[in-house]
PDB file of N, CA and C in Angstrom:
ATOM      1  N   MET A   1      15.043   4.838  28.910  1.00  0.00           N
ATOM      2  CA  MET A   1      14.731   4.216  27.789  1.00  0.00           C
ATOM      3  C   MET A   1      13.693   4.633  27.100  1.00  0.00           C
ATOM      4  N   SER A   2      13.712   5.138  25.819  1.00  0.00           N
ATOM      5  CA  SER A   2      12.489   5.882  24.986  1.00  0.00           C
ATOM      6  C   SER A   2      12.305   4.843  24.185  1.00  0.00           C
ATOM      7  N   PRO A   3      11.021   4.598  23.924  1.00  0.00           N
ATOM      8  CA  PRO A   3      10.125   4.281  23.157  1.00  0.00           C
ATOM      9  C   PRO A   3      10.298   4.068  21.704  1.00  0.00           C
ATOM     10  N   VAL A   4      10.300   2.775  21.375  1.00  0.00           N
ATOM     11  CA  VAL A   4      10.833   2.868  19.700  1.00  0.00           C
ATOM     12  C   VAL A   4       9.240   3.403  18.566  1.00  0.00           C
ATOM     13  N   LYS A   5       9.758   4.245  17.858  1.00  0.00           N
ATOM     14  CA  LYS A   5       8.925   4.465  17.232  1.00  0.00           C
ATOM     15  C   LYS A   5       8.735   3.819  16.209  1.00  0.00           C
ATOM     16  N   ILE A   6       7.293   3.948  15.371  1.00  0.00           N
ATOM     17  CA  ILE A   6       6.583   2.817  14.679  1.00  0.00           C
ATOM     18  C   ILE A   6       7.348   2.908  13.407  1.00  0.00           C
ATOM     19  N   GLU A   7       8.377   4.062  12.747  1.00  0.00           N
ATOM     20  CA  GLU A   7       8.944   4.223  11.632  1.00  0.00           C
ATOM     21  C   GLU A   7      10.295   3.432  11.619  1.00  0.00           C
ATOM     22  N   GLU A   8      10.546   3.049  12.983  1.00  0.00           N
ATOM     23  CA  GLU A   8      12.054   2.368  13.004  1.00  0.00           C
ATOM     24  C   GLU A   8      11.493   1.077  12.979  1.00  0.00           C
ATOM     25  N   LYS A   9      10.214   0.640  13.710  1.00  0.00           N
ATOM     26  CA  LYS A   9       9.494  -0.741  13.915  1.00  0.00           C
ATOM     27  C   LYS A   9      10.017  -1.138  12.311  1.00  0.00           C
ATOM     28  N   ILE A  10       8.925  -0.556  11.493  1.00  0.00           N
ATOM     29  CA  ILE A  10       8.522  -0.642  10.173  1.00  0.00           C
ATOM     30  C   ILE A  10       9.835  -0.914   9.275  1.00  0.00           C
ATOM     31  N   ALA A  11      11.052  -0.146   9.504  1.00  0.00           N
ATOM     32  CA  ALA A  11      12.114  -0.384   8.703  1.00  0.00           C
ATOM     33  C   ALA A  11      12.843  -1.597   9.367  1.00  0.00           C
ATOM     34  N   LEU A  12      12.741  -2.272  10.052  1.00  0.00           N
ATOM     35  CA  LEU A  12      13.239  -3.529  10.613  1.00  0.00           C
ATOM     36  C   LEU A  12      12.670  -4.908   9.388  1.00  0.00           C
ATOM     37  N   ASN A  13      11.556  -4.446   9.119  1.00  0.00           N
ATOM     38  CA  ASN A  13      11.207  -5.576   8.380  1.00  0.00           C
ATOM     39  C   ASN A  13      11.719  -5.902   6.578  1.00  0.00           C
ATOM     40  N   ALA A  14      11.895  -7.016   6.516  1.00  0.00           N
ATOM     41  CA  ALA A  14      12.416  -7.330   5.459  1.00  0.00           C
ATOM     42  C   ALA A  14      11.081  -7.519   4.347  1.00  0.00           C
ATOM     43  N   ILE A  15      11.331  -7.036   3.033  1.00  0.00           N
ATOM     44  CA  ILE A  15      10.175  -7.267   2.155  1.00  0.00           C
ATOM     45  C   ILE A  15      10.786  -8.325   0.791  1.00  0.00           C
ATOM     46  N   LYS A  16      10.275  -9.295   0.296  1.00  0.00           N
ATOM     47  CA  LYS A  16      10.767  -9.665  -0.855  1.00  0.00           C
ATOM     48  C   LYS A  16       9.569  -9.631  -2.044  1.00  0.00           C
ATOM     49  N   ASN A  17      10.132  -9.094  -3.117  1.00  0.00           N
ATOM     50  CA  ASN A  17       9.020  -8.305  -3.646  1.00  0.00           C
ATOM     51  C   ASN A  17       8.879  -9.480  -5.245  1.00  0.00           C
ATOM     52  N   ASP A  18       7.802  -9.673  -5.499  1.00  0.00           N
ATOM     53  CA  ASP A  18       7.363 -10.510  -6.559  1.00  0.00           C
ATOM     54  C   ASP A  18       7.656  -9.358  -7.924  1.00  0.00           C
ATOM     55  N   ARG A  19       7.686  -9.868  -9.217  1.00  0.00           N
ATOM     56  CA  ARG A  19       7.475  -8.947 -10.040  1.00  0.00           C
ATOM     57  C   ARG A  19       6.234  -8.418 -10.562  1.00  0.00           C
ATOM     58  N   GLU A  20       5.151  -8.836  -9.974  1.00  0.00           N
ATOM     59  CA  GLU A  20       3.630  -8.323 -10.121  1.00  0.00           C
ATOM     60  C   GLU A  20       3.066  -7.618  -8.936  1.00  0.00           C
ATOM     61  N   SER A  21       2.658  -7.061  -8.867  1.00  0.00           N
ATOM     62  CA  SER A  21       1.811  -6.447  -8.042  1.00  0.00           C
ATOM     63  C   SER A  21       0.689  -7.118  -7.445  1.00  0.00           C
ATOM     64  N   HIS A  22       0.474  -7.155  -6.356  1.00  0.00           N
ATOM     65  CA  HIS A  22      -0.800  -7.646  -5.549  1.00  0.00           C
ATOM     66  C   HIS A  22      -1.866  -6.824  -5.183  1.00  0.00           C
ATOM     67  N   ILE A  23      -1.621  -5.596  -5.746  1.00  0.00           N
ATOM     68  CA  ILE A  23      -2.566  -4.630  -5.274  1.00  0.00           C
ATOM     69  C   ILE A  23      -2.913  -3.866  -7.045  1.00  0.00           C
ATOM     70  N   ARG A  24      -3.993  -4.004  -7.511  1.00  0.00           N
ATOM     71  CA  ARG A  24      -4.734  -3.355  -8.669  1.00  0.00           C
ATOM     72  C   ARG A  24      -5.669  -2.287  -8.453  1.00  0.00           C
ATOM     73  N   LEU A  25      -5.538  -1.212  -9.188  1.00  0.00           N
ATOM     74  CA  LEU A  25      -6.390  -0.004  -8.961  1.00  0.00           C
ATOM     75  C   LEU A  25      -7.403  -0.246 -10.229  1.00  0.00           C
ATOM     76  N   ASP A  26      -8.416   0.299 -10.266  1.00  0.00           N
ATOM     77  CA  ASP A  26      -9.418   0.708 -11.529  1.00  0.00           C
ATOM     78  C   ASP A  26      -9.457   2.328 -11.579  1.00  0.00           C
ATOM     79  N   GLN A  27      -8.693   2.713 -12.516  1.00  0.00           N
ATOM     80  CA  GLN A  27      -8.818   3.973 -12.996  1.00  0.00           C
ATOM     81  C   GLN A  27      -9.719   4.604 -13.274  1.00  0.00           C
ATOM     82  N   ALA A  28     -10.837   3.981 -13.739  1.00  0.00           N
ATOM     83  CA  ALA A  28     -11.975   4.625 -14.324  1.00  0.00           C
ATOM     84  C   ALA A  28     -12.637   4.972 -12.534  1.00  0.00           C
ATOM     85  N   ILE A  29     -12.573   4.333 -12.036  1.00  0.00           N
ATOM     86  CA  ILE A  29     -12.957   4.546 -10.360  1.00  0.00           C
ATOM     87  C   ILE A  29     -11.976   5.730  -9.795  1.00  0.00           C
ATOM     88  N   CYS A  30     -11.022   5.486  -9.596  1.00  0.00           N
ATOM     89  CA  CYS A  30     -10.179   6.560  -9.262  1.00  0.00           C
ATOM     90  C   CYS A  30     -10.136   7.848  -9.781  1.00  0.00           C
ATOM     91  N   LYS A  31     -10.288   8.006 -11.019  1.00  0.00           N
ATOM     92  CA  LYS A  31     -10.883   9.144 -11.648  1.00  0.00           C
ATOM     93  C   LYS A  31     -11.511   9.721 -11.079  1.00  0.00           C
ATOM     94  N   LYS A  32     -12.822   9.285 -11.007  1.00  0.00           N
ATOM     95  CA  LYS A  32     -13.829   9.997  -9.929  1.00  0.00           C
ATOM     96  C   LYS A  32     -13.663   9.968  -8.679  1.00  0.00           C
ATOM     97  N   CYS A  33     -12.770   9.741  -7.937  1.00  0.00           N
ATOM     98  CA  CYS A  33     -12.454  10.034  -6.607  1.00  0.00           C
ATOM     99  C   CYS A  33     -11.795  11.506  -6.358  1.00  0.00           C
ATOM    100  N   LYS A  34     -12.525  12.374  -5.555  1.00  0.00           N
ATOM    101  CA  LYS A  34     -11.881  13.529  -4.840  1.00  0.00           C
ATOM    102  C   LYS A  34     -10.981  13.305  -3.482  1.00  0.00           C
ATOM    103  N   GLU A  35     -11.413  12.452  -2.656  1.00  0.00           N
ATOM    104  CA  GLU A  35     -11.124  12.220  -1.176  1.00  0.00           C
ATOM    105  C   GLU A  35      -9.732  11.557  -1.252  1.00  0.00           C
ATOM    106  N   ARG A  36      -9.462  10.714  -2.250  1.00  0.00           N
ATOM    107  CA  ARG A  36      -7.874  10.038  -2.142  1.00  0.00           C
ATOM    108  C   ARG A  36      -7.867   9.243  -0.584  1.00  0.00           C
ATOM    109  N   PHE A  37      -8.577   8.654  -0.121  1.00  0.00           N
ATOM    110  CA  PHE A  37      -8.643   7.938   1.026  1.00  0.00           C
ATOM    111  C   PHE A  37      -7.222   6.952   1.131  1.00  0.00           C
ATOM    112  N   CYS A  38      -7.203   6.470  -0.038  1.00  0.00           N
ATOM    113  CA  CYS A  38      -5.949   5.372  -0.085  1.00  0.00           C
ATOM    114  C   CYS A  38      -4.565   6.211   0.240  1.00  0.00           C
ATOM    115  N   VAL A  39      -4.337   7.134  -0.030  1.00  0.00           N
ATOM    116  CA  VAL A  39      -3.251   7.977   0.137  1.00  0.00           C
ATOM    117  C   VAL A  39      -2.905   8.618   1.680  1.00  0.00           C
ATOM    118  N   TYR A  40      -4.299   8.571   2.386  1.00  0.00           N
ATOM    119  CA  TYR A  40      -3.972   9.272   3.854  1.00  0.00           C
ATOM    120  C   TYR A  40      -4.148   7.800   4.593  1.00  0.00           C
ATOM    121  N   ALA A  41      -4.585   7.024   4.160  1.00  0.00           N
ATOM    122  CA  ALA A  41      -4.679   5.526   4.869  1.00  0.00           C
ATOM    123  C   ALA A  41      -3.439   4.648   5.057  1.00  0.00           C
ATOM    124  N   CYS A  42      -2.533   4.555   3.975  1.00  0.00           N
ATOM    125  CA  CYS A  42      -1.842   3.723   3.706  1.00  0.00           C
ATOM    126  C   CYS A  42      -0.707   3.546   4.649  1.00  0.00           C
ATOM    127  N   PRO A  43      -0.307   2.935   5.719  1.00  0.00           N
ATOM    128  CA  PRO A  43       0.685   3.170   6.929  1.00  0.00           C
ATOM    129  C   PRO A  43       2.105   3.330   6.101  1.00  0.00           C
ATOM    130  N   GLY A  44       2.334   2.947   4.440  1.00  0.00           N
ATOM    131  CA  GLY A  44       3.693   2.690   3.935  1.00  0.00           C
ATOM    132  C   GLY A  44       3.684   3.782   3.430  1.00  0.00           C
ATOM    133  N   HIS A  45       2.721   4.635   3.380  1.00  0.00           N
ATOM    134  CA  HIS A  45       2.724   6.075   2.137  1.00  0.00           C
ATOM    135  C   HIS A  45       2.933   5.620   0.502  1.00  0.00           C
ATOM    136  N   LEU A  46       2.236   4.307  -0.036  1.00  0.00           N
ATOM    137  CA  LEU A  46       2.498   3.781  -1.142  1.00  0.00           C
ATOM    138  C   LEU A  46       1.839   4.461  -2.304  1.00  0.00           C
ATOM    139  N   TYR A  47       0.667   5.007  -2.053  1.00  0.00           N
ATOM    140  CA  TYR A  47      -0.180   5.428  -3.026  1.00  0.00           C
ATOM    141  C   TYR A  47       0.060   7.284  -3.304  1.00  0.00           C
ATOM    142  N   SER A  48       0.300   7.310  -4.484  1.00  0.00           N
ATOM    143  CA  SER A  48       0.074   8.751  -5.070  1.00  0.00           C
ATOM    144  C   SER A  48      -0.408   8.825  -6.182  1.00  0.00           C
ATOM    145  N   GLU A  49      -0.437  10.220  -6.867  1.00  0.00           N
ATOM    146  CA  GLU A  49      -1.216  10.702  -8.412  1.00  0.00           C
ATOM    147  C   GLU A  49       0.122  10.932  -9.172  1.00  0.00           C
ATOM    148  N   SER A  50       0.312   9.966 -10.021  1.00  0.00           N
ATOM    149  CA  SER A  50       1.064  10.483 -11.177  1.00  0.00           C
ATOM    150  C   SER A  50       0.985  12.223 -11.642  1.00  0.00           C
ATOM    151  N   ASP A  51       2.339  12.428 -11.479  1.00  0.00           N
ATOM    152  CA  ASP A  51       2.004  14.123 -11.995  1.00  0.00           C
ATOM    153  C   ASP A  51       2.203  14.186 -13.783  1.00  0.00           C
ATOM    154  N   GLU A  52       2.485  13.026 -14.322  1.00  0.00           N
ATOM    155  CA  GLU A  52       2.658  12.992 -15.804  1.00  0.00           C
ATOM    156  C   GLU A  52       1.171  12.640 -16.268  1.00  0.00           C
ATOM    157  N   THR A  53       0.579  11.694 -15.750  1.00  0.00           N
ATOM    158  CA  THR A  53      -0.751  11.359 -16.214  1.00  0.00           C
ATOM    159  C   THR A  53      -1.886  11.240 -15.597  1.00  0.00           C
ATOM    160  N   GLY A  54      -1.684  12.025 -14.279  1.00  0.00           N
ATOM    161  CA  GLY A  54      -3.001  11.814 -13.316  1.00  0.00           C
ATOM    162  C   GLY A  54      -3.643  10.902 -12.572  1.00  0.00           C
ATOM    163  N   GLU A  55      -2.789   9.716 -13.106  1.00  0.00           N
ATOM    164  CA  GLU A  55      -3.796   8.482 -12.474  1.00  0.00           C
ATOM    165  C   GLU A  55      -2.901   8.291 -11.410  1.00  0.00           C
ATOM    166  N   MET A  56      -3.936   7.413 -10.891  1.00  0.00           N
ATOM    167  CA  MET A  56      -3.139   7.214  -8.934  1.00  0.00           C
ATOM    168  C   MET A  56      -1.963   6.065  -9.044  1.00  0.00           C
ATOM    169  N   VAL A  57      -1.184   5.977  -8.470  1.00  0.00           N
ATOM    170  CA  VAL A  57      -0.310   4.753  -8.895  1.00  0.00           C
ATOM    171  C   VAL A  57      -0.003   4.025  -7.423  1.00  0.00           C
ATOM    172  N   VAL A  58       0.306   2.765  -7.281  1.00  0.00           N
ATOM    173  CA  VAL A  58       0.711   2.571  -5.879  1.00  0.00           C
ATOM    174  C   VAL A  58       1.937   1.358  -6.163  1.00  0.00           C
ATOM    175  N   GLU A  59       2.905   1.860  -5.235  1.00  0.00           N
ATOM    176  CA  GLU A  59       4.144   0.942  -5.205  1.00  0.00           C
ATOM    177  C   GLU A  59       3.910   0.128  -4.457  1.00  0.00           C
ATOM    178  N   TYR A  60       4.048  -0.872  -4.839  1.00  0.00           N
ATOM    179  CA  TYR A  60       3.402  -2.344  -3.887  1.00  0.00           C
ATOM    180  C   TYR A  60       4.807  -3.155  -3.238  1.00  0.00           C
ATOM    181  N   ALA A  61       5.848  -2.407  -3.815  1.00  0.00           N
ATOM    182  CA  ALA A  61       7.274  -2.856  -3.325  1.00  0.00           C
ATOM    183  C   ALA A  61       7.266  -2.568  -1.797  1.00  0.00           C
ATOM    184  N   GLY A  62       6.749  -1.679  -1.507  1.00  0.00           N
ATOM    185  CA  GLY A  62       6.800  -1.694   0.219  1.00  0.00           C
ATOM    186  C   GLY A  62       5.187  -1.760   1.233  1.00  0.00           C
ATOM    187  N   CYS A  63       4.579  -2.716   0.263  1.00  0.00           N
ATOM    188  CA  CYS A  63       3.464  -2.927   1.261  1.00  0.00           C
ATOM    189  C   CYS A  63       3.850  -3.509   2.244  1.00  0.00           C
ATOM    190  N   LEU A  64       2.760  -3.332   3.445  1.00  0.00           N
ATOM    191  CA  LEU A  64       2.839  -4.117   4.623  1.00  0.00           C
ATOM    192  C   LEU A  64       1.922  -5.203   4.830  1.00  0.00           C
ATOM    193  N   GLU A  65       1.046  -5.222   3.662  1.00  0.00           N
ATOM    194  CA  GLU A  65      -0.005  -6.433   3.702  1.00  0.00           C
ATOM    195  C   GLU A  65      -1.110  -5.957   4.975  1.00  0.00           C
ATOM    196  N   CYS A  66      -1.281  -4.886   5.418  1.00  0.00           N
ATOM    197  CA  CYS A  66      -2.508  -4.470   6.169  1.00  0.00           C
ATOM    198  C   CYS A  66      -3.873  -4.840   5.525  1.00  0.00           C
ATOM    199  N   GLY A  67      -3.908  -4.529   4.335  1.00  0.00           N
ATOM    200  CA  GLY A  67      -5.276  -4.239   4.091  1.00  0.00           C
ATOM    201  C   GLY A  67      -5.818  -3.067   3.787  1.00  0.00           C
ATOM    202  N   THR A  68      -5.435  -2.260   4.853  1.00  0.00           N
ATOM    203  CA  THR A  68      -6.237  -0.773   4.803  1.00  0.00           C
ATOM    204  C   THR A  68      -6.806   0.070   3.665  1.00  0.00           C
ATOM    205  N   CYS A  69      -5.692  -0.273   2.772  1.00  0.00           N
ATOM    206  CA  CYS A  69      -6.481   0.449   1.568  1.00  0.00           C
ATOM    207  C   CYS A  69      -7.541   0.116   1.014  1.00  0.00           C
ATOM    208  N   LYS A  70      -7.968  -1.233   0.840  1.00  0.00           N
ATOM    209  CA  LYS A  70      -9.037  -1.666   0.523  1.00  0.00           C
ATOM    210  C   LYS A  70     -10.363  -1.202   1.056  1.00  0.00           C
ATOM    211  N   ILE A  71      -9.971  -1.340   2.448  1.00  0.00           N
ATOM    212  CA  ILE A  71     -10.930  -0.661   3.329  1.00  0.00           C
ATOM    213  C   ILE A  71     -10.891   0.618   3.204  1.00  0.00           C
ATOM    214  N   ALA A  72     -10.141   1.577   3.072  1.00  0.00           N
ATOM    215  CA  ALA A  72     -10.438   2.918   2.984  1.00  0.00           C
ATOM    216  C   ALA A  72     -11.150   3.145   1.739  1.00  0.00           C
ATOM    217  N   CYS A  73     -10.753   2.529   0.573  1.00  0.00           N
ATOM    218  CA  CYS A  73     -11.219   2.782  -0.558  1.00  0.00           C
ATOM    219  C   CYS A  73     -12.807   2.465  -0.374  1.00  0.00           C
ATOM    220  N   VAL A  74     -13.779   3.655  -0.211  1.00  0.00           N
ATOM    221  CA  VAL A  74     -15.034   3.285  -0.031  1.00  0.00           C
ATOM    222  C   VAL A  74     -15.743   3.214  -1.412  1.00  0.00           C
ATOM    223  N   TYR A  75     -15.028   3.086  -2.292  1.00  0.00           N
ATOM    224  CA  TYR A  75     -15.489   3.214  -3.787  1.00  0.00           C
ATOM    225  C   TYR A  75     -15.079   1.808  -4.641  1.00  0.00           C
ATOM    226  N   GLY A  76     -14.494   0.964  -4.319  1.00  0.00           N
ATOM    227  CA  GLY A  76     -14.016  -0.002  -4.340  1.00  0.00           C
ATOM    228  C   GLY A  76     -12.804  -0.329  -5.650  1.00  0.00           C
ATOM    229  N   SER A  77     -12.124   0.393  -5.704  1.00  0.00           N
ATOM    230  CA  SER A  77     -11.316   0.471  -6.707  1.00  0.00           C
ATOM    231  C   SER A  77      -9.965  -0.019  -6.423  1.00  0.00           C
ATOM    232  N   VAL A  78      -9.728  -0.521  -5.092  1.00  0.00           N
ATOM    233  CA  VAL A  78      -8.649  -1.086  -4.685  1.00  0.00           C
ATOM    234  C   VAL A  78      -8.952  -2.830  -4.579  1.00  0.00           C
ATOM    235  N   SER A  79      -8.183  -3.653  -5.766  1.00  0.00           N
ATOM    236  CA  SER A  79      -8.264  -4.899  -5.411  1.00  0.00           C
ATOM    237  C   SER A  79      -6.961  -5.598  -4.857  1.00  0.00           C
ATOM    238  N   TRP A  80      -7.186  -6.081  -3.598  1.00  0.00           N
ATOM    239  CA  TRP A  80      -6.026  -6.375  -3.036  1.00  0.00           C
ATOM    240  C   TRP A  80      -6.047  -7.891  -2.783  1.00  0.00           C
ATOM    241  N   GLU A  81      -4.763  -8.490  -2.754  1.00  0.00           N
ATOM    242  CA  GLU A  81      -4.563  -9.944  -2.114  1.00  0.00           C
ATOM    243  C   GLU A  81      -3.335  -9.952  -1.824  1.00  0.00           C
ATOM    244  N   TYR A  82      -3.035 -10.890  -0.791  1.00  0.00           N
ATOM    245  CA  TYR A  82      -1.785 -11.484  -0.192  1.00  0.00           C
ATOM    246  C   TYR A  82      -0.854 -11.510  -1.223  1.00  0.00           C
ATOM    247  N   PRO A  83       0.548 -11.377  -1.740  1.00  0.00           N
ATOM    248  CA  PRO A  83       1.600 -11.746  -2.441  1.00  0.00           C
ATOM    249  C   PRO A  83       1.759 -13.468  -2.362  1.00  0.00           C
ATOM    250  N   LYS A  84       1.982 -13.825  -3.638  1.00  0.00           N
ATOM    251  CA  LYS A  84       2.036 -15.315  -3.646  1.00  0.00           C
ATOM    252  C   LYS A  84       3.462 -15.857  -2.771  1.00  0.00           C
ATOM    253  N   GLY A  85       3.154 -17.307  -2.713  1.00  0.00           N
ATOM    254  CA  GLY A  85       4.017 -18.139  -1.631  1.00  0.00           C
ATOM    255  C   GLY A  85       5.486 -17.226  -1.615  1.00  0.00           C
ATOM    256  N   GLU A  86       6.233 -17.331  -0.448  1.00  0.00           N
ATOM    257  CA  GLU A  86       7.383 -16.836  -0.496  1.00  0.00           C
ATOM    258  C   GLU A  86       7.685 -15.356  -0.566  1.00  0.00           C
ATOM    259  N   TYR A  87       7.015 -14.186  -1.039  1.00  0.00           N
ATOM    260  CA  TYR A  87       7.200 -13.208  -1.351  1.00  0.00           C
ATOM    261  C   TYR A  87       5.999 -12.464  -0.354  1.00  0.00           C
ATOM    262  N   GLY A  88       6.378 -11.251  -0.324  1.00  0.00           N
ATOM    263  CA  GLY A  88       5.821 -10.363   1.008  1.00  0.00           C
ATOM    264  C   GLY A  88       6.391  -9.649   2.070  1.00  0.00           C
ATOM    265  N   VAL A  89       6.078  -9.329   2.769  1.00  0.00           N
ATOM    266  CA  VAL A  89       6.807  -8.813   4.173  1.00  0.00           C
ATOM    267  C   VAL A  89       6.889  -9.882   5.069  1.00  0.00           C
ATOM    268  N   GLN A  90       8.020  -9.749   5.742  1.00  0.00           N
ATOM    269  CA  GLN A  90       8.223 -10.645   6.657  1.00  0.00           C
ATOM    270  C   GLN A  90       8.595  -9.402   8.352  1.00  0.00           C
ATOM    271  N   TYR A  91       7.690  -9.718   8.982  1.00  0.00           N
ATOM    272  CA  TYR A  91       8.002  -8.623  10.150  1.00  0.00           C
ATOM    273  C   TYR A  91       8.927  -9.035  11.465  1.00  0.00           C
ATOM    274  N   ARG A  92       9.865  -8.594  11.664  1.00  0.00           N
ATOM    275  CA  ARG A  92      10.849  -8.537  12.331  1.00  0.00           C
ATOM    276  C   ARG A  92      10.800  -8.016  13.623  1.00  0.00           C
ATOM    277  N   TYR A  93       9.530  -7.362  13.957  1.00  0.00           N
ATOM    278  CA  TYR A  93       9.600  -6.645  15.292  1.00  0.00           C
ATOM    279  C   TYR A  93       8.286  -6.119  15.525  1.00  0.00           C
ATOM    280  N   GLY A  94       7.706  -6.947  16.355  1.00  0.00           N
ATOM    281  CA  GLY A  94       6.395  -6.606  16.745  1.00  0.00           C
ATOM    282  C   GLY A  94       5.087  -6.492  15.747  1.00  0.00           C
TER     283      GLY A  94
END
């Protein structure tokens, strides 16, 4: 029996999204950032740079609520909190 891959485990999670994001970015700080640690650190691959505006965007709907983005952003752009009650991720497997 082969081990289950992390992507397969993540796909089993259920996420109930609020209408408002629980993650906020300070675009003034993001504009000065060259490293884009959030892009590489987020296990859900939720961060990207908008081709149209050049601003950083986060797709909060797939957030795994690990807080890695807040830690990875050494400049303090990421303001992160847990989603309001009954919203967010429900882990189904490990």
